[in-house]
Amino acid sequence: MMENSMMVKAYLVYLIITIAMTCFVARILFQNSKVFMLDIFRGRAEIAYPTNRLFEIGFYLMNIGAALLCMQTSRIMTNQGLLETLSMKIGGFSIYLGIMLFLNLFWA
């Protein structure tokens, strides 16, 4: 029973942190990319802003989907195991999210 409790804690903490990180990065990225989109679409805001919004939705879907795919973990029996597992999972997701951020900047 203790094992199940630790797994549920790990999943909840992991989901809360990865979704919050995704939302934070998306908000910053897509607020600041409006200028680039206007430049790409030669000042045509009626095309630039909706396109930016579509990219934002895609960013959410890809990153939250990746976080969910990576959520599965092995058995966690101790608090130390819980912290080690979360650090590996969240650290890996942070690196992935950083790569996605730079790829979005590169493609813009």
PDB file of N, CA and C in Angstrom:
ATOM      1  N   MET A   1       0.819  -1.193   0.000  1.00  0.00           N
ATOM      2  CA  MET A   1       0.000   0.000   0.000  1.00  0.00           C
ATOM      3  C   MET A   1       0.867   1.262   0.000  1.00  0.00           C
ATOM      4  N   MET A   2       1.961   1.233   0.724  1.00  0.00           N
ATOM      5  CA  MET A   2       2.889   2.370   0.782  1.00  0.00           C
ATOM      6  C   MET A   2       3.434   2.687  -0.610  1.00  0.00           C
ATOM      7  N   GLU A   3       3.716   1.621  -1.361  1.00  0.00           N
ATOM      8  CA  GLU A   3       4.259   1.786  -2.705  1.00  0.00           C
ATOM      9  C   GLU A   3       3.278   2.555  -3.595  1.00  0.00           C
ATOM     10  N   ASN A   4       2.006   2.205  -3.540  1.00  0.00           N
ATOM     11  CA  ASN A   4       0.998   2.896  -4.346  1.00  0.00           C
ATOM     12  C   ASN A   4       0.900   4.365  -3.966  1.00  0.00           C
ATOM     13  N   SER A   5       0.987   4.650  -2.681  1.00  0.00           N
ATOM     14  CA  SER A   5       0.932   6.026  -2.204  1.00  0.00           C
ATOM     15  C   SER A   5       2.102   6.838  -2.751  1.00  0.00           C
ATOM     16  N   MET A   6       3.282   6.265  -2.757  1.00  0.00           N
ATOM     17  CA  MET A   6       4.472   6.945  -3.274  1.00  0.00           C
ATOM     18  C   MET A   6       4.342   7.178  -4.786  1.00  0.00           C
ATOM     19  N   MET A   7       3.799   6.208  -5.499  1.00  0.00           N
ATOM     20  CA  MET A   7       3.632   6.345  -6.945  1.00  0.00           C
ATOM     21  C   MET A   7       2.644   7.468  -7.261  1.00  0.00           C
ATOM     22  N   VAL A   8       1.545   7.528  -6.535  1.00  0.00           N
ATOM     23  CA  VAL A   8       0.547   8.575  -6.757  1.00  0.00           C
ATOM     24  C   VAL A   8       1.150   9.942  -6.462  1.00  0.00           C
ATOM     25  N   LYS A   9       1.915  10.054  -5.376  1.00  0.00           N
ATOM     26  CA  LYS A   9       2.590  11.318  -5.055  1.00  0.00           C
ATOM     27  C   LYS A   9       3.536  11.714  -6.192  1.00  0.00           C
ATOM     28  N   ALA A  10       4.306  10.757  -6.669  1.00  0.00           N
ATOM     29  CA  ALA A  10       5.261  11.042  -7.744  1.00  0.00           C
ATOM     30  C   ALA A  10       4.528  11.530  -8.989  1.00  0.00           C
ATOM     31  N   TYR A  11       3.462  10.863  -9.365  1.00  0.00           N
ATOM     32  CA  TYR A  11       2.710  11.260 -10.555  1.00  0.00           C
ATOM     33  C   TYR A  11       2.112  12.648 -10.395  1.00  0.00           C
ATOM     34  N   LEU A  12       1.529  12.929  -9.248  1.00  0.00           N
ATOM     35  CA  LEU A  12       0.908  14.237  -9.031  1.00  0.00           C
ATOM     36  C   LEU A  12       1.933  15.367  -9.067  1.00  0.00           C
ATOM     37  N   VAL A  13       3.031  15.188  -8.359  1.00  0.00           N
ATOM     38  CA  VAL A  13       4.074  16.218  -8.344  1.00  0.00           C
ATOM     39  C   VAL A  13       4.638  16.411  -9.751  1.00  0.00           C
ATOM     40  N   TYR A  14       4.915  15.309 -10.429  1.00  0.00           N
ATOM     41  CA  TYR A  14       5.455  15.374 -11.789  1.00  0.00           C
ATOM     42  C   TYR A  14       4.505  16.118 -12.726  1.00  0.00           C
ATOM     43  N   LEU A  15       3.230  15.767 -12.701  1.00  0.00           N
ATOM     44  CA  LEU A  15       2.265  16.419 -13.587  1.00  0.00           C
ATOM     45  C   LEU A  15       2.112  17.910 -13.282  1.00  0.00           C
ATOM     46  N   ILE A  16       2.015  18.247 -12.029  1.00  0.00           N
ATOM     47  CA  ILE A  16       1.866  19.658 -11.652  1.00  0.00           C
ATOM     48  C   ILE A  16       3.069  20.467 -12.133  1.00  0.00           C
ATOM     49  N   ILE A  17       4.269  19.966 -11.896  1.00  0.00           N
ATOM     50  CA  ILE A  17       5.472  20.715 -12.268  1.00  0.00           C
ATOM     51  C   ILE A  17       5.642  20.787 -13.780  1.00  0.00           C
ATOM     52  N   THR A  18       5.461  19.676 -14.490  1.00  0.00           N
ATOM     53  CA  THR A  18       5.685  19.698 -15.940  1.00  0.00           C
ATOM     54  C   THR A  18       4.626  20.534 -16.666  1.00  0.00           C
ATOM     55  N   ILE A  19       3.390  20.470 -16.225  1.00  0.00           N
ATOM     56  CA  ILE A  19       2.356  21.286 -16.864  1.00  0.00           C
ATOM     57  C   ILE A  19       2.589  22.767 -16.558  1.00  0.00           C
ATOM     58  N   ALA A  20       2.973  23.090 -15.330  1.00  0.00           N
ATOM     59  CA  ALA A  20       3.266  24.488 -14.982  1.00  0.00           C
ATOM     60  C   ALA A  20       4.458  25.005 -15.794  1.00  0.00           C
ATOM     61  N   MET A  21       5.496  24.193 -15.937  1.00  0.00           N
ATOM     62  CA  MET A  21       6.657  24.599 -16.728  1.00  0.00           C
ATOM     63  C   MET A  21       6.265  24.833 -18.183  1.00  0.00           C
ATOM     64  N   THR A  22       5.464  23.937 -18.733  1.00  0.00           N
ATOM     65  CA  THR A  22       5.018  24.074 -20.121  1.00  0.00           C
ATOM     66  C   THR A  22       4.228  25.357 -20.309  1.00  0.00           C
ATOM     67  N   CYS A  23       3.314  25.641 -19.403  1.00  0.00           N
ATOM     68  CA  CYS A  23       2.497  26.854 -19.501  1.00  0.00           C
ATOM     69  C   CYS A  23       3.350  28.109 -19.380  1.00  0.00           C
ATOM     70  N   PHE A  24       4.304  28.102 -18.462  1.00  0.00           N
ATOM     71  CA  PHE A  24       5.182  29.258 -18.276  1.00  0.00           C
ATOM     72  C   PHE A  24       6.008  29.525 -19.532  1.00  0.00           C
ATOM     73  N   VAL A  25       6.651  28.488 -20.064  1.00  0.00           N
ATOM     74  CA  VAL A  25       7.488  28.649 -21.249  1.00  0.00           C
ATOM     75  C   VAL A  25       6.636  29.074 -22.447  1.00  0.00           C
ATOM     76  N   ALA A  26       5.479  28.465 -22.606  1.00  0.00           N
ATOM     77  CA  ALA A  26       4.605  28.814 -23.735  1.00  0.00           C
ATOM     78  C   ALA A  26       4.167  30.270 -23.651  1.00  0.00           C
ATOM     79  N   ARG A  27       3.779  30.719 -22.477  1.00  0.00           N
ATOM     80  CA  ARG A  27       3.319  32.106 -22.324  1.00  0.00           C
ATOM     81  C   ARG A  27       4.429  33.086 -22.705  1.00  0.00           C
ATOM     82  N   ILE A  28       5.627  32.870 -22.190  1.00  0.00           N
ATOM     83  CA  ILE A  28       6.750  33.759 -22.491  1.00  0.00           C
ATOM     84  C   ILE A  28       7.114  33.694 -23.976  1.00  0.00           C
ATOM     85  N   LEU A  29       7.216  32.484 -24.503  1.00  0.00           N
ATOM     86  CA  LEU A  29       7.610  32.296 -25.903  1.00  0.00           C
ATOM     87  C   LEU A  29       6.634  32.961 -26.847  1.00  0.00           C
ATOM     88  N   PHE A  30       5.355  32.740 -26.652  1.00  0.00           N
ATOM     89  CA  PHE A  30       4.388  33.220 -27.627  1.00  0.00           C
ATOM     90  C   PHE A  30       3.974  34.671 -27.419  1.00  0.00           C
ATOM     91  N   GLN A  31       4.195  35.220 -26.242  1.00  0.00           N
ATOM     92  CA  GLN A  31       4.017  36.674 -26.078  1.00  0.00           C
ATOM     93  C   GLN A  31       5.113  37.412 -26.843  1.00  0.00           C
ATOM     94  N   ASN A  32       6.314  36.893 -26.747  1.00  0.00           N
ATOM     95  CA  ASN A  32       7.450  37.558 -27.383  1.00  0.00           C
ATOM     96  C   ASN A  32       7.575  37.250 -28.871  1.00  0.00           C
ATOM     97  N   SER A  33       6.930  36.221 -29.343  1.00  0.00           N
ATOM     98  CA  SER A  33       7.049  35.873 -30.761  1.00  0.00           C
ATOM     99  C   SER A  33       6.081  36.641 -31.646  1.00  0.00           C
ATOM    100  N   LYS A  34       5.178  37.424 -31.056  1.00  0.00           N
ATOM    101  CA  LYS A  34       4.240  38.212 -31.863  1.00  0.00           C
ATOM    102  C   LYS A  34       4.982  39.168 -32.794  1.00  0.00           C
ATOM    103  N   VAL A  35       6.044  39.768 -32.307  1.00  0.00           N
ATOM    104  CA  VAL A  35       6.836  40.697 -33.119  1.00  0.00           C
ATOM    105  C   VAL A  35       7.433  39.978 -34.323  1.00  0.00           C
ATOM    106  N   PHE A  36       7.959  38.787 -34.097  1.00  0.00           N
ATOM    107  CA  PHE A  36       8.557  38.014 -35.187  1.00  0.00           C
ATOM    108  C   PHE A  36       7.504  37.599 -36.208  1.00  0.00           C
ATOM    109  N   MET A  37       6.334  37.213 -35.716  1.00  0.00           N
ATOM    110  CA  MET A  37       5.264  36.799 -36.620  1.00  0.00           C
ATOM    111  C   MET A  37       4.795  37.982 -37.466  1.00  0.00           C
ATOM    112  N   LEU A  38       4.704  39.147 -36.864  1.00  0.00           N
ATOM    113  CA  LEU A  38       4.327  40.337 -37.642  1.00  0.00           C
ATOM    114  C   LEU A  38       5.361  40.625 -38.729  1.00  0.00           C
ATOM    115  N   ASP A  39       6.628  40.434 -38.405  1.00  0.00           N
ATOM    116  CA  ASP A  39       7.684  40.637 -39.387  1.00  0.00           C
ATOM    117  C   ASP A  39       7.578  39.602 -40.512  1.00  0.00           C
ATOM    118  N   ILE A  40       7.373  38.351 -40.141  1.00  0.00           N
ATOM    119  CA  ILE A  40       7.272  37.275 -41.135  1.00  0.00           C
ATOM    120  C   ILE A  40       6.098  37.528 -42.078  1.00  0.00           C
ATOM    121  N   PHE A  41       4.974  37.974 -41.519  1.00  0.00           N
ATOM    122  CA  PHE A  41       3.775  38.205 -42.327  1.00  0.00           C
ATOM    123  C   PHE A  41       3.636  39.660 -42.768  1.00  0.00           C
ATOM    124  N   ARG A  42       4.747  40.386 -42.758  1.00  0.00           N
ATOM    125  CA  ARG A  42       4.832  41.768 -43.268  1.00  0.00           C
ATOM    126  C   ARG A  42       3.772  42.696 -42.673  1.00  0.00           C
ATOM    127  N   GLY A  43       3.618  42.614 -41.348  1.00  0.00           N
ATOM    128  CA  GLY A  43       2.718  43.514 -40.639  1.00  0.00           C
ATOM    129  C   GLY A  43       1.250  43.143 -40.704  1.00  0.00           C
ATOM    130  N   ARG A  44       0.919  42.026 -41.285  1.00  0.00           N
ATOM    131  CA  ARG A  44      -0.484  41.617 -41.421  1.00  0.00           C
ATOM    132  C   ARG A  44      -0.924  40.888 -40.151  1.00  0.00           C
ATOM    133  N   ALA A  45      -1.406  41.668 -39.204  1.00  0.00           N
ATOM    134  CA  ALA A  45      -1.791  41.143 -37.889  1.00  0.00           C
ATOM    135  C   ALA A  45      -2.919  40.120 -37.992  1.00  0.00           C
ATOM    136  N   GLU A  46      -3.787  40.268 -38.990  1.00  0.00           N
ATOM    137  CA  GLU A  46      -4.912  39.330 -39.136  1.00  0.00           C
ATOM    138  C   GLU A  46      -4.445  37.917 -39.468  1.00  0.00           C
ATOM    139  N   ILE A  47      -3.230  37.777 -39.949  1.00  0.00           N
ATOM    140  CA  ILE A  47      -2.650  36.452 -40.209  1.00  0.00           C
ATOM    141  C   ILE A  47      -1.630  36.093 -39.127  1.00  0.00           C
ATOM    142  N   ALA A  48      -0.836  37.052 -38.707  1.00  0.00           N
ATOM    143  CA  ALA A  48       0.257  36.794 -37.766  1.00  0.00           C
ATOM    144  C   ALA A  48      -0.245  36.306 -36.415  1.00  0.00           C
ATOM    145  N   TYR A  49      -1.233  36.971 -35.850  1.00  0.00           N
ATOM    146  CA  TYR A  49      -1.698  36.604 -34.509  1.00  0.00           C
ATOM    147  C   TYR A  49      -2.391  35.241 -34.466  1.00  0.00           C
ATOM    148  N   PRO A  50      -3.299  34.946 -35.400  1.00  0.00           N
ATOM    149  CA  PRO A  50      -3.884  33.595 -35.375  1.00  0.00           C
ATOM    150  C   PRO A  50      -2.854  32.487 -35.620  1.00  0.00           C
ATOM    151  N   THR A  51      -1.879  32.756 -36.486  1.00  0.00           N
ATOM    152  CA  THR A  51      -0.828  31.758 -36.729  1.00  0.00           C
ATOM    153  C   THR A  51      -0.010  31.543 -35.469  1.00  0.00           C
ATOM    154  N   ASN A  52       0.322  32.621 -34.782  1.00  0.00           N
ATOM    155  CA  ASN A  52       1.056  32.518 -33.519  1.00  0.00           C
ATOM    156  C   ASN A  52       0.258  31.701 -32.513  1.00  0.00           C
ATOM    157  N   ARG A  53      -1.042  31.927 -32.461  1.00  0.00           N
ATOM    158  CA  ARG A  53      -1.912  31.180 -31.531  1.00  0.00           C
ATOM    159  C   ARG A  53      -1.945  29.691 -31.882  1.00  0.00           C
ATOM    160  N   LEU A  54      -1.990  29.369 -33.161  1.00  0.00           N
ATOM    161  CA  LEU A  54      -1.966  27.962 -33.584  1.00  0.00           C
ATOM    162  C   LEU A  54      -0.654  27.287 -33.181  1.00  0.00           C
ATOM    163  N   PHE A  55       0.458  27.996 -33.353  1.00  0.00           N
ATOM    164  CA  PHE A  55       1.744  27.456 -32.913  1.00  0.00           C
ATOM    165  C   PHE A  55       1.750  27.234 -31.396  1.00  0.00           C
ATOM    166  N   GLU A  56       1.130  28.146 -30.664  1.00  0.00           N
ATOM    167  CA  GLU A  56       1.059  28.017 -29.209  1.00  0.00           C
ATOM    168  C   GLU A  56       0.273  26.766 -28.805  1.00  0.00           C
ATOM    169  N   ILE A  57      -0.858  26.552 -29.444  1.00  0.00           N
ATOM    170  CA  ILE A  57      -1.667  25.356 -29.144  1.00  0.00           C
ATOM    171  C   ILE A  57      -0.864  24.094 -29.457  1.00  0.00           C
ATOM    172  N   GLY A  58      -0.181  24.084 -30.590  1.00  0.00           N
ATOM    173  CA  GLY A  58       0.664  22.944 -30.945  1.00  0.00           C
ATOM    174  C   GLY A  58       1.768  22.719 -29.931  1.00  0.00           C
ATOM    175  N   PHE A  59       2.353  23.790 -29.427  1.00  0.00           N
ATOM    176  CA  PHE A  59       3.399  23.695 -28.409  1.00  0.00           C
ATOM    177  C   PHE A  59       2.857  23.037 -27.147  1.00  0.00           C
ATOM    178  N   TYR A  60       1.671  23.483 -26.706  1.00  0.00           N
ATOM    179  CA  TYR A  60       1.036  22.857 -25.538  1.00  0.00           C
ATOM    180  C   TYR A  60       0.793  21.374 -25.777  1.00  0.00           C
ATOM    181  N   LEU A  61       0.205  21.041 -26.903  1.00  0.00           N
ATOM    182  CA  LEU A  61      -0.136  19.647 -27.181  1.00  0.00           C
ATOM    183  C   LEU A  61       1.108  18.761 -27.229  1.00  0.00           C
ATOM    184  N   MET A  62       2.141  19.215 -27.909  1.00  0.00           N
ATOM    185  CA  MET A  62       3.360  18.406 -28.019  1.00  0.00           C
ATOM    186  C   MET A  62       4.035  18.210 -26.663  1.00  0.00           C
ATOM    187  N   ASN A  63       4.150  19.270 -25.895  1.00  0.00           N
ATOM    188  CA  ASN A  63       4.907  19.188 -24.652  1.00  0.00           C
ATOM    189  C   ASN A  63       4.133  18.504 -23.534  1.00  0.00           C
ATOM    190  N   ILE A  64       2.854  18.752 -23.427  1.00  0.00           N
ATOM    191  CA  ILE A  64       2.072  18.038 -22.413  1.00  0.00           C
ATOM    192  C   ILE A  64       1.958  16.575 -22.806  1.00  0.00           C
ATOM    193  N   GLY A  65       1.822  16.304 -24.092  1.00  0.00           N
ATOM    194  CA  GLY A  65       1.817  14.909 -24.557  1.00  0.00           C
ATOM    195  C   GLY A  65       3.124  14.206 -24.237  1.00  0.00           C
ATOM    196  N   ALA A  66       4.246  14.880 -24.462  1.00  0.00           N
ATOM    197  CA  ALA A  66       5.551  14.286 -24.138  1.00  0.00           C
ATOM    198  C   ALA A  66       5.678  14.040 -22.640  1.00  0.00           C
ATOM    199  N   ALA A  67       5.194  14.975 -21.833  1.00  0.00           N
ATOM    200  CA  ALA A  67       5.253  14.798 -20.375  1.00  0.00           C
ATOM    201  C   ALA A  67       4.431  13.587 -19.955  1.00  0.00           C
ATOM    202  N   LEU A  68       3.270  13.421 -20.551  1.00  0.00           N
ATOM    203  CA  LEU A  68       2.428  12.270 -20.206  1.00  0.00           C
ATOM    204  C   LEU A  68       3.061  10.953 -20.655  1.00  0.00           C
ATOM    205  N   LEU A  69       3.684  10.953 -21.825  1.00  0.00           N
ATOM    206  CA  LEU A  69       4.341   9.731 -22.307  1.00  0.00           C
ATOM    207  C   LEU A  69       5.513   9.320 -21.423  1.00  0.00           C
ATOM    208  N   CYS A  70       6.186  10.285 -20.837  1.00  0.00           N
ATOM    209  CA  CYS A  70       7.360  10.010 -20.007  1.00  0.00           C
ATOM    210  C   CYS A  70       7.011   9.801 -18.533  1.00  0.00           C
ATOM    211  N   MET A  71       5.748   9.806 -18.201  1.00  0.00           N
ATOM    212  CA  MET A  71       5.336   9.774 -16.801  1.00  0.00           C
ATOM    213  C   MET A  71       5.572   8.415 -16.128  1.00  0.00           C
ATOM    214  N   GLN A  72       5.438   7.337 -16.865  1.00  0.00           N
ATOM    215  CA  GLN A  72       5.565   6.015 -16.255  1.00  0.00           C
ATOM    216  C   GLN A  72       6.928   5.848 -15.592  1.00  0.00           C
ATOM    217  N   THR A  73       6.917   5.220 -14.440  1.00  0.00           N
ATOM    218  CA  THR A  73       8.165   5.023 -13.703  1.00  0.00           C
ATOM    219  C   THR A  73       8.158   3.653 -13.033  1.00  0.00           C
ATOM    220  N   SER A  74       9.304   3.276 -12.514  1.00  0.00           N
ATOM    221  CA  SER A  74       9.403   2.004 -11.794  1.00  0.00           C
ATOM    222  C   SER A  74       8.901   2.183 -10.366  1.00  0.00           C
ATOM    223  N   ARG A  75       8.941   1.137  -9.623  1.00  0.00           N
ATOM    224  CA  ARG A  75       8.441   1.182  -8.242  1.00  0.00           C
ATOM    225  C   ARG A  75       9.242   2.150  -7.387  1.00  0.00           C
ATOM    226  N   ILE A  76       8.530   2.897  -6.572  1.00  0.00           N
ATOM    227  CA  ILE A  76       9.164   3.831  -5.647  1.00  0.00           C
ATOM    228  C   ILE A  76       8.799   3.381  -4.236  1.00  0.00           C
ATOM    229  N   MET A  77       9.820   3.104  -3.429  1.00  0.00           N
ATOM    230  CA  MET A  77       9.578   2.543  -2.101  1.00  0.00           C
ATOM    231  C   MET A  77       9.898   3.516  -0.962  1.00  0.00           C
ATOM    232  N   THR A  78      10.740   4.517  -1.227  1.00  0.00           N
ATOM    233  CA  THR A  78      11.185   5.409  -0.146  1.00  0.00           C
ATOM    234  C   THR A  78      11.062   6.866  -0.585  1.00  0.00           C
ATOM    235  N   ASN A  79      11.177   7.760   0.380  1.00  0.00           N
ATOM    236  CA  ASN A  79      11.183   9.184   0.050  1.00  0.00           C
ATOM    237  C   ASN A  79      12.388   9.545  -0.813  1.00  0.00           C
ATOM    238  N   GLN A  80      13.518   8.916  -0.533  1.00  0.00           N
ATOM    239  CA  GLN A  80      14.706   9.146  -1.344  1.00  0.00           C
ATOM    240  C   GLN A  80      14.448   8.716  -2.783  1.00  0.00           C
ATOM    241  N   GLY A  81      13.852   7.566  -2.959  1.00  0.00           N
ATOM    242  CA  GLY A  81      13.520   7.087  -4.302  1.00  0.00           C
ATOM    243  C   GLY A  81      12.551   8.024  -5.006  1.00  0.00           C
ATOM    244  N   LEU A  82      11.615   8.568  -4.243  1.00  0.00           N
ATOM    245  CA  LEU A  82      10.654   9.524  -4.793  1.00  0.00           C
ATOM    246  C   LEU A  82      11.376  10.762  -5.323  1.00  0.00           C
ATOM    247  N   LEU A  83      12.261  11.333  -4.512  1.00  0.00           N
ATOM    248  CA  LEU A  83      12.997  12.530  -4.927  1.00  0.00           C
ATOM    249  C   LEU A  83      13.928  12.257  -6.103  1.00  0.00           C
ATOM    250  N   GLU A  84      14.599  11.115  -6.086  1.00  0.00           N
ATOM    251  CA  GLU A  84      15.503  10.775  -7.184  1.00  0.00           C
ATOM    252  C   GLU A  84      14.736  10.577  -8.487  1.00  0.00           C
ATOM    253  N   THR A  85      13.615   9.911  -8.412  1.00  0.00           N
ATOM    254  CA  THR A  85      12.790   9.686  -9.601  1.00  0.00           C
ATOM    255  C   THR A  85      12.261  11.003 -10.148  1.00  0.00           C
ATOM    256  N   LEU A  86      11.742  11.840  -9.256  1.00  0.00           N
ATOM    257  CA  LEU A  86      11.213  13.135  -9.705  1.00  0.00           C
ATOM    258  C   LEU A  86      12.306  14.014 -10.305  1.00  0.00           C
ATOM    259  N   SER A  87      13.493  14.002  -9.708  1.00  0.00           N
ATOM    260  CA  SER A  87      14.572  14.833 -10.250  1.00  0.00           C
ATOM    261  C   SER A  87      14.970  14.364 -11.645  1.00  0.00           C
ATOM    262  N   MET A  88      15.020  13.067 -11.860  1.00  0.00           N
ATOM    263  CA  MET A  88      15.361  12.538 -13.192  1.00  0.00           C
ATOM    264  C   MET A  88      14.265  12.869 -14.205  1.00  0.00           C
ATOM    265  N   LYS A  89      13.024  12.667 -13.831  1.00  0.00           N
ATOM    266  CA  LYS A  89      11.906  12.909 -14.744  1.00  0.00           C
ATOM    267  C   LYS A  89      11.762  14.399 -15.065  1.00  0.00           C
ATOM    268  N   ILE A  90      11.776  15.225 -14.058  1.00  0.00           N
ATOM    269  CA  ILE A  90      11.580  16.658 -14.263  1.00  0.00           C
ATOM    270  C   ILE A  90      12.813  17.269 -14.936  1.00  0.00           C
ATOM    271  N   GLY A  91      14.001  16.812 -14.567  1.00  0.00           N
ATOM    272  CA  GLY A  91      15.217  17.277 -15.230  1.00  0.00           C
ATOM    273  C   GLY A  91      15.223  16.929 -16.707  1.00  0.00           C
ATOM    274  N   GLY A  92      14.844  15.709 -17.015  1.00  0.00           N
ATOM    275  CA  GLY A  92      14.760  15.291 -18.420  1.00  0.00           C
ATOM    276  C   GLY A  92      13.738  16.104 -19.181  1.00  0.00           C
ATOM    277  N   PHE A  93      12.596  16.361 -18.558  1.00  0.00           N
ATOM    278  CA  PHE A  93      11.567  17.157 -19.215  1.00  0.00           C
ATOM    279  C   PHE A  93      12.031  18.601 -19.392  1.00  0.00           C
ATOM    280  N   SER A  94      12.773  19.136 -18.441  1.00  0.00           N
ATOM    281  CA  SER A  94      13.301  20.501 -18.561  1.00  0.00           C
ATOM    282  C   SER A  94      14.232  20.615 -19.762  1.00  0.00           C
ATOM    283  N   ILE A  95      15.086  19.626 -19.936  1.00  0.00           N
ATOM    284  CA  ILE A  95      15.992  19.622 -21.090  1.00  0.00           C
ATOM    285  C   ILE A  95      15.192  19.538 -22.384  1.00  0.00           C
ATOM    286  N   TYR A  96      14.214  18.656 -22.426  1.00  0.00           N
ATOM    287  CA  TYR A  96      13.355  18.522 -23.606  1.00  0.00           C
ATOM    288  C   TYR A  96      12.649  19.852 -23.904  1.00  0.00           C
ATOM    289  N   LEU A  97      12.107  20.498 -22.880  1.00  0.00           N
ATOM    290  CA  LEU A  97      11.387  21.756 -23.050  1.00  0.00           C
ATOM    291  C   LEU A  97      12.327  22.861 -23.549  1.00  0.00           C
ATOM    292  N   GLY A  98      13.548  22.874 -23.044  1.00  0.00           N
ATOM    293  CA  GLY A  98      14.542  23.831 -23.527  1.00  0.00           C
ATOM    294  C   GLY A  98      14.873  23.612 -24.990  1.00  0.00           C
ATOM    295  N   ILE A  99      15.004  22.362 -25.391  1.00  0.00           N
ATOM    296  CA  ILE A  99      15.260  22.052 -26.800  1.00  0.00           C
ATOM    297  C   ILE A  99      14.096  22.516 -27.664  1.00  0.00           C
ATOM    298  N   MET A 100      12.878  22.267 -27.209  1.00  0.00           N
ATOM    299  CA  MET A 100      11.698  22.708 -27.957  1.00  0.00           C
ATOM    300  C   MET A 100      11.665  24.236 -28.064  1.00  0.00           C
ATOM    301  N   LEU A 101      12.042  24.917 -27.012  1.00  0.00           N
ATOM    302  CA  LEU A 101      12.082  26.378 -27.027  1.00  0.00           C
ATOM    303  C   LEU A 101      13.059  26.866 -28.087  1.00  0.00           C
ATOM    304  N   PHE A 102      14.258  26.326 -28.103  1.00  0.00           N
ATOM    305  CA  PHE A 102      15.252  26.760 -29.067  1.00  0.00           C
ATOM    306  C   PHE A 102      14.885  26.368 -30.489  1.00  0.00           C
ATOM    307  N   LEU A 103      14.233  25.224 -30.663  1.00  0.00           N
ATOM    308  CA  LEU A 103      13.772  24.859 -32.004  1.00  0.00           C
ATOM    309  C   LEU A 103      12.704  25.833 -32.496  1.00  0.00           C
ATOM    310  N   ASN A 104      11.812  26.250 -31.610  1.00  0.00           N
ATOM    311  CA  ASN A 104      10.810  27.249 -32.004  1.00  0.00           C
ATOM    312  C   ASN A 104      11.473  28.562 -32.390  1.00  0.00           C
ATOM    313  N   LEU A 105      12.479  28.974 -31.650  1.00  0.00           N
ATOM    314  CA  LEU A 105      13.192  30.206 -31.988  1.00  0.00           C
ATOM    315  C   LEU A 105      13.930  30.064 -33.315  1.00  0.00           C
ATOM    316  N   PHE A 106      14.508  28.913 -33.558  1.00  0.00           N
ATOM    317  CA  PHE A 106      15.236  28.656 -34.781  1.00  0.00           C
ATOM    318  C   PHE A 106      14.308  28.673 -35.984  1.00  0.00           C
ATOM    319  N   TRP A 107      13.130  28.060 -35.840  1.00  0.00           N
ATOM    320  CA  TRP A 107      12.182  27.990 -36.954  1.00  0.00           C
ATOM    321  C   TRP A 107      11.518  29.320 -37.250  1.00  0.00           C
ATOM    322  N   ALA A 108      11.482  30.234 -36.270  1.00  0.00           N
ATOM    323  CA  ALA A 108      10.761  31.512 -36.469  1.00  0.00           C
ATOM    324  C   ALA A 108      11.477  32.445 -37.376  1.00  0.00           C
TER     325      ALA A 108
END
